Amino acid sequence: MRINKKVRMNRLFGRARCLDVAIDHGVCNEPSFLEGLEDMAGVVAQLVAAGPDAIQMNYGQADLLQSLPGKDKPALVMRIDMGNPYNKTRH
């Protein structure tokens, strides 16, 4: 395993467990998935304060995590696929 992959995997699983909180629901364009996630910057701030190992976000949300100061924030797990099995009529 290459060193950069080892570093990344150790950051996520160094304590033999990983809590990854997914907030990438908006990419599905399904309004029922977004309840409680209307203020995404506020949601990210609350999650960072709670201290999960990682936050799963889509490309458009990633800057909300990366713009926060400090090195002790959760790792970014970025969703890069845009497949949507939900409600084809919206696309």
PDB file of N, CA and C in Angstrom:
ATOM      1  N   MET A   1       0.848  -1.171   0.000  1.00  0.00           N
ATOM      2  CA  MET A   1       0.000   0.000   0.000  1.00  0.00           C
ATOM      3  C   MET A   1       0.899   1.242   0.000  1.00  0.00           C
ATOM      4  N   ARG A   2       0.576   2.191  -0.839  1.00  0.00           N
ATOM      5  CA  ARG A   2       1.367   3.412  -0.940  1.00  0.00           C
ATOM      6  C   ARG A   2       1.213   4.240   0.328  1.00  0.00           C
ATOM      7  N   ILE A   3       2.223   5.038   0.620  1.00  0.00           N
ATOM      8  CA  ILE A   3       2.253   5.794   1.871  1.00  0.00           C
ATOM      9  C   ILE A   3       1.080   6.769   1.981  1.00  0.00           C
ATOM     10  N   ASN A   4       0.706   7.436   0.872  1.00  0.00           N
ATOM     11  CA  ASN A   4      -0.410   8.384   0.964  1.00  0.00           C
ATOM     12  C   ASN A   4      -1.716   7.669   1.296  1.00  0.00           C
ATOM     13  N   LYS A   5      -1.894   6.461   0.793  1.00  0.00           N
ATOM     14  CA  LYS A   5      -3.091   5.688   1.118  1.00  0.00           C
ATOM     15  C   LYS A   5      -3.044   5.218   2.570  1.00  0.00           C
ATOM     16  N   LYS A   6      -1.864   4.831   3.046  1.00  0.00           N
ATOM     17  CA  LYS A   6      -1.720   4.417   4.444  1.00  0.00           C
ATOM     18  C   LYS A   6      -2.068   5.564   5.393  1.00  0.00           C
ATOM     19  N   VAL A   7      -1.595   6.749   5.079  1.00  0.00           N
ATOM     20  CA  VAL A   7      -1.878   7.917   5.920  1.00  0.00           C
ATOM     21  C   VAL A   7      -3.376   8.171   5.970  1.00  0.00           C
ATOM     22  N   ARG A   8      -4.017   8.141   4.828  1.00  0.00           N
ATOM     23  CA  ARG A   8      -5.463   8.388   4.757  1.00  0.00           C
ATOM     24  C   ARG A   8      -6.250   7.312   5.513  1.00  0.00           C
ATOM     25  N   MET A   9      -5.915   6.067   5.299  1.00  0.00           N
ATOM     26  CA  MET A   9      -6.622   4.979   5.970  1.00  0.00           C
ATOM     27  C   MET A   9      -6.392   5.018   7.484  1.00  0.00           C
ATOM     28  N   ASN A  10      -5.182   5.371   7.909  1.00  0.00           N
ATOM     29  CA  ASN A  10      -4.895   5.474   9.334  1.00  0.00           C
ATOM     30  C   ASN A  10      -5.686   6.611   9.968  1.00  0.00           C
ATOM     31  N   ARG A  11      -5.878   7.681   9.234  1.00  0.00           N
ATOM     32  CA  ARG A  11      -6.674   8.791   9.758  1.00  0.00           C
ATOM     33  C   ARG A  11      -8.125   8.352   9.979  1.00  0.00           C
ATOM     34  N   LEU A  12      -8.639   7.538   9.089  1.00  0.00           N
ATOM     35  CA  LEU A  12     -10.023   7.086   9.205  1.00  0.00           C
ATOM     36  C   LEU A  12     -10.187   5.923  10.184  1.00  0.00           C
ATOM     37  N   PHE A  13      -9.247   4.980  10.188  1.00  0.00           N
ATOM     38  CA  PHE A  13      -9.415   3.742  10.955  1.00  0.00           C
ATOM     39  C   PHE A  13      -8.314   3.508  11.983  1.00  0.00           C
ATOM     40  N   GLY A  14      -7.584   4.532  12.376  1.00  0.00           N
ATOM     41  CA  GLY A  14      -6.463   4.382  13.298  1.00  0.00           C
ATOM     42  C   GLY A  14      -6.836   3.807  14.645  1.00  0.00           C
ATOM     43  N   ARG A  15      -8.067   4.014  15.076  1.00  0.00           N
ATOM     44  CA  ARG A  15      -8.518   3.486  16.371  1.00  0.00           C
ATOM     45  C   ARG A  15      -9.384   2.241  16.185  1.00  0.00           C
ATOM     46  N   ALA A  16      -9.256   1.598  15.050  1.00  0.00           N
ATOM     47  CA  ALA A  16      -9.984   0.364  14.720  1.00  0.00           C
ATOM     48  C   ALA A  16     -11.487   0.576  14.584  1.00  0.00           C
ATOM     49  N   ARG A  17     -11.893   1.804  14.390  1.00  0.00           N
ATOM     50  CA  ARG A  17     -13.307   2.110  14.157  1.00  0.00           C
ATOM     51  C   ARG A  17     -13.379   3.436  13.410  1.00  0.00           C
ATOM     52  N   CYS A  18     -14.512   3.682  12.787  1.00  0.00           N
ATOM     53  CA  CYS A  18     -14.682   4.932  12.055  1.00  0.00           C
ATOM     54  C   CYS A  18     -16.155   5.325  12.070  1.00  0.00           C
ATOM     55  N   LEU A  19     -16.430   6.548  12.498  1.00  0.00           N
ATOM     56  CA  LEU A  19     -17.776   7.098  12.415  1.00  0.00           C
ATOM     57  C   LEU A  19     -17.777   8.118  11.282  1.00  0.00           C
ATOM     58  N   ASP A  20     -18.447   7.784  10.199  1.00  0.00           N
ATOM     59  CA  ASP A  20     -18.548   8.638   9.013  1.00  0.00           C
ATOM     60  C   ASP A  20     -20.001   9.098   8.905  1.00  0.00           C
ATOM     61  N   VAL A  21     -20.230  10.394   9.072  1.00  0.00           N
ATOM     62  CA  VAL A  21     -21.581  10.948   9.015  1.00  0.00           C
ATOM     63  C   VAL A  21     -21.834  11.458   7.598  1.00  0.00           C
ATOM     64  N   ALA A  22     -22.852  10.927   6.941  1.00  0.00           N
ATOM     65  CA  ALA A  22     -23.174  11.306   5.562  1.00  0.00           C
ATOM     66  C   ALA A  22     -24.172  12.455   5.545  1.00  0.00           C
ATOM     67  N   ILE A  23     -23.796  13.536   4.860  1.00  0.00           N
ATOM     68  CA  ILE A  23     -24.718  14.660   4.655  1.00  0.00           C
ATOM     69  C   ILE A  23     -24.766  15.020   3.173  1.00  0.00           C
ATOM     70  N   ASP A  24     -24.548  14.048   2.318  1.00  0.00           N
ATOM     71  CA  ASP A  24     -24.524  14.273   0.872  1.00  0.00           C
ATOM     72  C   ASP A  24     -25.884  14.024   0.239  1.00  0.00           C
ATOM     73  N   HIS A  25     -26.947  14.100   1.007  1.00  0.00           N
ATOM     74  CA  HIS A  25     -28.289  13.769   0.543  1.00  0.00           C
ATOM     75  C   HIS A  25     -28.813  14.713  -0.536  1.00  0.00           C
ATOM     76  N   GLY A  26     -28.410  15.956  -0.529  1.00  0.00           N
ATOM     77  CA  GLY A  26     -28.919  16.939  -1.481  1.00  0.00           C
ATOM     78  C   GLY A  26     -28.645  16.603  -2.926  1.00  0.00           C
ATOM     79  N   VAL A  27     -27.628  15.808  -3.186  1.00  0.00           N
ATOM     80  CA  VAL A  27     -27.286  15.454  -4.557  1.00  0.00           C
ATOM     81  C   VAL A  27     -28.389  14.624  -5.206  1.00  0.00           C
ATOM     82  N   CYS A  28     -29.243  14.008  -4.397  1.00  0.00           N
ATOM     83  CA  CYS A  28     -30.331  13.181  -4.933  1.00  0.00           C
ATOM     84  C   CYS A  28     -31.516  14.011  -5.392  1.00  0.00           C
ATOM     85  N   ASN A  29     -31.544  15.292  -5.060  1.00  0.00           N
ATOM     86  CA  ASN A  29     -32.624  16.191  -5.474  1.00  0.00           C
ATOM     87  C   ASN A  29     -33.986  15.682  -4.996  1.00  0.00           C
ATOM     88  N   GLU A  30     -34.008  15.102  -3.833  1.00  0.00           N
ATOM     89  CA  GLU A  30     -35.244  14.585  -3.240  1.00  0.00           C
ATOM     90  C   GLU A  30     -35.533  15.395  -1.976  1.00  0.00           C
ATOM     91  N   PRO A  31     -36.553  16.267  -2.006  1.00  0.00           N
ATOM     92  CA  PRO A  31     -36.818  17.162  -0.870  1.00  0.00           C
ATOM     93  C   PRO A  31     -36.972  16.457   0.475  1.00  0.00           C
ATOM     94  N   SER A  32     -37.518  15.271   0.502  1.00  0.00           N
ATOM     95  CA  SER A  32     -37.711  14.591   1.786  1.00  0.00           C
ATOM     96  C   SER A  32     -36.388  14.207   2.449  1.00  0.00           C
ATOM     97  N   PHE A  33     -35.305  14.129   1.687  1.00  0.00           N
ATOM     98  CA  PHE A  33     -33.994  13.813   2.250  1.00  0.00           C
ATOM     99  C   PHE A  33     -33.360  15.023   2.922  1.00  0.00           C
ATOM    100  N   LEU A  34     -33.841  16.222   2.633  1.00  0.00           N
ATOM    101  CA  LEU A  34     -33.172  17.442   3.060  1.00  0.00           C
ATOM    102  C   LEU A  34     -33.696  18.026   4.364  1.00  0.00           C
ATOM    103  N   GLU A  35     -34.747  17.459   4.930  1.00  0.00           N
ATOM    104  CA  GLU A  35     -35.309  18.002   6.157  1.00  0.00           C
ATOM    105  C   GLU A  35     -34.249  18.019   7.261  1.00  0.00           C
ATOM    106  N   GLY A  36     -34.040  19.201   7.827  1.00  0.00           N
ATOM    107  CA  GLY A  36     -33.029  19.370   8.858  1.00  0.00           C
ATOM    108  C   GLY A  36     -31.660  19.739   8.323  1.00  0.00           C
ATOM    109  N   LEU A  37     -31.501  19.742   7.009  1.00  0.00           N
ATOM    110  CA  LEU A  37     -30.205  20.075   6.399  1.00  0.00           C
ATOM    111  C   LEU A  37     -30.260  21.384   5.613  1.00  0.00           C
ATOM    112  N   GLU A  38     -31.251  22.225   5.892  1.00  0.00           N
ATOM    113  CA  GLU A  38     -31.415  23.456   5.112  1.00  0.00           C
ATOM    114  C   GLU A  38     -30.242  24.420   5.305  1.00  0.00           C
ATOM    115  N   ASP A  39     -29.716  24.519   6.509  1.00  0.00           N
ATOM    116  CA  ASP A  39     -28.576  25.393   6.809  1.00  0.00           C
ATOM    117  C   ASP A  39     -27.318  24.526   6.850  1.00  0.00           C
ATOM    118  N   MET A  40     -26.761  24.244   5.689  1.00  0.00           N
ATOM    119  CA  MET A  40     -25.663  23.294   5.595  1.00  0.00           C
ATOM    120  C   MET A  40     -24.423  23.760   6.359  1.00  0.00           C
ATOM    121  N   ALA A  41     -24.122  25.060   6.345  1.00  0.00           N
ATOM    122  CA  ALA A  41     -22.962  25.558   7.092  1.00  0.00           C
ATOM    123  C   ALA A  41     -23.148  25.303   8.587  1.00  0.00           C
ATOM    124  N   GLY A  42     -24.358  25.509   9.085  1.00  0.00           N
ATOM    125  CA  GLY A  42     -24.646  25.241  10.489  1.00  0.00           C
ATOM    126  C   GLY A  42     -24.553  23.765  10.826  1.00  0.00           C
ATOM    127  N   VAL A  43     -25.029  22.924   9.922  1.00  0.00           N
ATOM    128  CA  VAL A  43     -24.959  21.470  10.116  1.00  0.00           C
ATOM    129  C   VAL A  43     -23.502  21.022  10.193  1.00  0.00           C
ATOM    130  N   VAL A  44     -22.671  21.540   9.297  1.00  0.00           N
ATOM    131  CA  VAL A  44     -21.253  21.172   9.287  1.00  0.00           C
ATOM    132  C   VAL A  44     -20.586  21.618  10.589  1.00  0.00           C
ATOM    133  N   ALA A  45     -20.877  22.827  11.042  1.00  0.00           N
ATOM    134  CA  ALA A  45     -20.292  23.318  12.294  1.00  0.00           C
ATOM    135  C   ALA A  45     -20.698  22.434  13.476  1.00  0.00           C
ATOM    136  N   GLN A  46     -21.961  22.024  13.520  1.00  0.00           N
ATOM    137  CA  GLN A  46     -22.424  21.139  14.599  1.00  0.00           C
ATOM    138  C   GLN A  46     -21.734  19.779  14.538  1.00  0.00           C
ATOM    139  N   LEU A  47     -21.574  19.260  13.336  1.00  0.00           N
ATOM    140  CA  LEU A  47     -20.915  17.961  13.190  1.00  0.00           C
ATOM    141  C   LEU A  47     -19.453  18.027  13.604  1.00  0.00           C
ATOM    142  N   VAL A  48     -18.759  19.080  13.199  1.00  0.00           N
ATOM    143  CA  VAL A  48     -17.352  19.225  13.571  1.00  0.00           C
ATOM    144  C   VAL A  48     -17.224  19.282  15.091  1.00  0.00           C
ATOM    145  N   ALA A  49     -18.129  20.012  15.738  1.00  0.00           N
ATOM    146  CA  ALA A  49     -18.107  20.103  17.204  1.00  0.00           C
ATOM    147  C   ALA A  49     -18.364  18.746  17.860  1.00  0.00           C
ATOM    148  N   ALA A  50     -19.158  17.893  17.214  1.00  0.00           N
ATOM    149  CA  ALA A  50     -19.468  16.571  17.762  1.00  0.00           C
ATOM    150  C   ALA A  50     -18.295  15.597  17.628  1.00  0.00           C
ATOM    151  N   GLY A  51     -17.403  15.855  16.673  1.00  0.00           N
ATOM    152  CA  GLY A  51     -16.181  15.076  16.556  1.00  0.00           C
ATOM    153  C   GLY A  51     -16.241  13.714  15.894  1.00  0.00           C
ATOM    154  N   PRO A  52     -16.986  13.549  14.787  1.00  0.00           N
ATOM    155  CA  PRO A  52     -16.915  12.257  14.090  1.00  0.00           C
ATOM    156  C   PRO A  52     -15.546  12.100  13.423  1.00  0.00           C
ATOM    157  N   ASP A  53     -15.230  10.902  13.004  1.00  0.00           N
ATOM    158  CA  ASP A  53     -13.962  10.668  12.315  1.00  0.00           C
ATOM    159  C   ASP A  53     -13.968  11.259  10.915  1.00  0.00           C
ATOM    160  N   ALA A  54     -15.136  11.264  10.263  1.00  0.00           N
ATOM    161  CA  ALA A  54     -15.240  11.743   8.887  1.00  0.00           C
ATOM    162  C   ALA A  54     -16.644  12.265   8.619  1.00  0.00           C
ATOM    163  N   ILE A  55     -16.734  13.142   7.631  1.00  0.00           N
ATOM    164  CA  ILE A  55     -18.021  13.628   7.146  1.00  0.00           C
ATOM    165  C   ILE A  55     -18.057  13.370   5.648  1.00  0.00           C
ATOM    166  N   GLN A  56     -19.101  12.683   5.199  1.00  0.00           N
ATOM    167  CA  GLN A  56     -19.266  12.381   3.775  1.00  0.00           C
ATOM    168  C   GLN A  56     -20.086  13.488   3.140  1.00  0.00           C
ATOM    169  N   MET A  57     -19.512  14.140   2.131  1.00  0.00           N
ATOM    170  CA  MET A  57     -20.139  15.285   1.481  1.00  0.00           C
ATOM    171  C   MET A  57     -19.987  15.158  -0.025  1.00  0.00           C
ATOM    172  N   ASN A  58     -20.741  15.965  -0.762  1.00  0.00           N
ATOM    173  CA  ASN A  58     -20.521  16.018  -2.200  1.00  0.00           C
ATOM    174  C   ASN A  58     -19.592  17.187  -2.512  1.00  0.00           C
ATOM    175  N   TYR A  59     -19.195  17.298  -3.754  1.00  0.00           N
ATOM    176  CA  TYR A  59     -18.217  18.299  -4.173  1.00  0.00           C
ATOM    177  C   TYR A  59     -18.640  19.718  -3.800  1.00  0.00           C
ATOM    178  N   GLY A  60     -19.906  20.032  -3.980  1.00  0.00           N
ATOM    179  CA  GLY A  60     -20.390  21.379  -3.694  1.00  0.00           C
ATOM    180  C   GLY A  60     -20.401  21.734  -2.221  1.00  0.00           C
ATOM    181  N   GLN A  61     -20.395  20.753  -1.344  1.00  0.00           N
ATOM    182  CA  GLN A  61     -20.406  20.994   0.099  1.00  0.00           C
ATOM    183  C   GLN A  61     -19.009  20.990   0.709  1.00  0.00           C
ATOM    184  N   ALA A  62     -18.049  20.435   0.039  1.00  0.00           N
ATOM    185  CA  ALA A  62     -16.731  20.180   0.621  1.00  0.00           C
ATOM    186  C   ALA A  62     -16.062  21.432   1.164  1.00  0.00           C
ATOM    187  N   ASP A  63     -16.259  22.563   0.527  1.00  0.00           N
ATOM    188  CA  ASP A  63     -15.617  23.794   0.981  1.00  0.00           C
ATOM    189  C   ASP A  63     -16.111  24.218   2.360  1.00  0.00           C
ATOM    190  N   LEU A  64     -17.333  23.835   2.722  1.00  0.00           N
ATOM    191  CA  LEU A  64     -17.857  24.179   4.046  1.00  0.00           C
ATOM    192  C   LEU A  64     -17.013  23.552   5.154  1.00  0.00           C
ATOM    193  N   LEU A  65     -16.499  22.371   4.926  1.00  0.00           N
ATOM    194  CA  LEU A  65     -15.632  21.715   5.904  1.00  0.00           C
ATOM    195  C   LEU A  65     -14.206  22.228   5.793  1.00  0.00           C
ATOM    196  N   GLN A  66     -13.708  22.329   4.577  1.00  0.00           N
ATOM    197  CA  GLN A  66     -12.311  22.697   4.388  1.00  0.00           C
ATOM    198  C   GLN A  66     -12.016  24.143   4.759  1.00  0.00           C
ATOM    199  N   SER A  67     -13.024  25.011   4.758  1.00  0.00           N
ATOM    200  CA  SER A  67     -12.793  26.416   5.104  1.00  0.00           C
ATOM    201  C   SER A  67     -12.763  26.655   6.613  1.00  0.00           C
ATOM    202  N   LEU A  68     -13.147  25.662   7.404  1.00  0.00           N
ATOM    203  CA  LEU A  68     -13.092  25.815   8.859  1.00  0.00           C
ATOM    204  C   LEU A  68     -11.642  25.771   9.327  1.00  0.00           C
ATOM    205  N   PRO A  69     -11.272  26.632  10.274  1.00  0.00           N
ATOM    206  CA  PRO A  69      -9.889  26.647  10.747  1.00  0.00           C
ATOM    207  C   PRO A  69      -9.563  25.428  11.605  1.00  0.00           C
ATOM    208  N   GLY A  70      -8.298  25.142  11.693  1.00  0.00           N
ATOM    209  CA  GLY A  70      -7.835  24.072  12.570  1.00  0.00           C
ATOM    210  C   GLY A  70      -7.528  22.785  11.840  1.00  0.00           C
ATOM    211  N   LYS A  71      -6.713  21.970  12.492  1.00  0.00           N
ATOM    212  CA  LYS A  71      -6.299  20.693  11.908  1.00  0.00           C
ATOM    213  C   LYS A  71      -7.056  19.510  12.492  1.00  0.00           C
ATOM    214  N   ASP A  72      -7.787  19.722  13.563  1.00  0.00           N
ATOM    215  CA  ASP A  72      -8.448  18.616  14.257  1.00  0.00           C
ATOM    216  C   ASP A  72      -9.881  18.391  13.816  1.00  0.00           C
ATOM    217  N   LYS A  73     -10.207  18.802  12.609  1.00  0.00           N
ATOM    218  CA  LYS A  73     -11.566  18.573  12.108  1.00  0.00           C
ATOM    219  C   LYS A  73     -11.669  17.178  11.491  1.00  0.00           C
ATOM    220  N   PRO A  74     -12.886  16.700  11.289  1.00  0.00           N
ATOM    221  CA  PRO A  74     -13.065  15.369  10.699  1.00  0.00           C
ATOM    222  C   PRO A  74     -12.484  15.281   9.286  1.00  0.00           C
ATOM    223  N   ALA A  75     -12.169  14.071   8.886  1.00  0.00           N
ATOM    224  CA  ALA A  75     -11.707  13.834   7.520  1.00  0.00           C
ATOM    225  C   ALA A  75     -12.867  14.048   6.552  1.00  0.00           C
ATOM    226  N   LEU A  76     -12.539  14.435   5.348  1.00  0.00           N
ATOM    227  CA  LEU A  76     -13.527  14.596   4.283  1.00  0.00           C
ATOM    228  C   LEU A  76     -13.596  13.309   3.471  1.00  0.00           C
ATOM    229  N   VAL A  77     -14.782  12.736   3.374  1.00  0.00           N
ATOM    230  CA  VAL A  77     -15.036  11.617   2.468  1.00  0.00           C
ATOM    231  C   VAL A  77     -15.954  12.187   1.399  1.00  0.00           C
ATOM    232  N   MET A  78     -15.410  12.387   0.200  1.00  0.00           N
ATOM    233  CA  MET A  78     -16.167  13.073  -0.842  1.00  0.00           C
ATOM    234  C   MET A  78     -16.894  12.086  -1.748  1.00  0.00           C
ATOM    235  N   ARG A  79     -18.168  12.343  -1.917  1.00  0.00           N
ATOM    236  CA  ARG A  79     -18.968  11.561  -2.864  1.00  0.00           C
ATOM    237  C   ARG A  79     -18.738  12.158  -4.243  1.00  0.00           C
ATOM    238  N   ILE A  80     -18.297  11.341  -5.165  1.00  0.00           N
ATOM    239  CA  ILE A  80     -18.005  11.870  -6.494  1.00  0.00           C
ATOM    240  C   ILE A  80     -18.919  11.320  -7.570  1.00  0.00           C
ATOM    241  N   ASP A  81     -19.748  10.327  -7.235  1.00  0.00           N
ATOM    242  CA  ASP A  81     -20.697   9.843  -8.237  1.00  0.00           C
ATOM    243  C   ASP A  81     -21.950  10.703  -8.184  1.00  0.00           C
ATOM    244  N   MET A  82     -22.614  10.818  -9.267  1.00  0.00           N
ATOM    245  CA  MET A  82     -23.828  11.625  -9.309  1.00  0.00           C
ATOM    246  C   MET A  82     -25.028  10.790  -9.729  1.00  0.00           C
ATOM    247  N   GLY A  83     -24.933   9.488  -9.582  1.00  0.00           N
ATOM    248  CA  GLY A  83     -26.059   8.623  -9.902  1.00  0.00           C
ATOM    249  C   GLY A  83     -27.223   8.907  -8.972  1.00  0.00           C
ATOM    250  N   ASN A  84     -28.425   8.863  -9.506  1.00  0.00           N
ATOM    251  CA  ASN A  84     -29.599   9.157  -8.705  1.00  0.00           C
ATOM    252  C   ASN A  84     -30.716   8.185  -9.044  1.00  0.00           C
ATOM    253  N   PRO A  85     -30.941   7.187  -8.196  1.00  0.00           N
ATOM    254  CA  PRO A  85     -32.029   6.258  -8.456  1.00  0.00           C
ATOM    255  C   PRO A  85     -33.380   6.788  -8.002  1.00  0.00           C
ATOM    256  N   TYR A  86     -33.395   7.965  -7.392  1.00  0.00           N
ATOM    257  CA  TYR A  86     -34.625   8.513  -6.827  1.00  0.00           C
ATOM    258  C   TYR A  86     -35.290   9.492  -7.787  1.00  0.00           C
ATOM    259  N   ASN A  87     -36.541   9.339  -8.014  1.00  0.00           N
ATOM    260  CA  ASN A  87     -37.392  10.290  -8.723  1.00  0.00           C
ATOM    261  C   ASN A  87     -36.791  10.788 -10.039  1.00  0.00           C
ATOM    262  N   LYS A  88     -36.796   9.959 -11.024  1.00  0.00           N
ATOM    263  CA  LYS A  88     -36.225  10.285 -12.333  1.00  0.00           C
ATOM    264  C   LYS A  88     -36.899  11.479 -12.992  1.00  0.00           C
ATOM    265  N   THR A  89     -38.143  11.777 -12.632  1.00  0.00           N
ATOM    266  CA  THR A  89     -38.863  12.881 -13.276  1.00  0.00           C
ATOM    267  C   THR A  89     -38.269  14.240 -12.938  1.00  0.00           C
ATOM    268  N   ARG A  90     -37.468  14.344 -11.916  1.00  0.00           N
ATOM    269  CA  ARG A  90     -36.869  15.629 -11.535  1.00  0.00           C
ATOM    270  C   ARG A  90     -35.662  15.991 -12.391  1.00  0.00           C
ATOM    271  N   HIS A  91     -35.192  15.079 -13.208  1.00  0.00           N
ATOM    272  CA  HIS A  91     -33.939  15.345 -13.930  1.00  0.00           C
ATOM    273  C   HIS A  91     -34.172  15.559 -15.392  1.00  0.00           C
TER     274      HIS A  91
END
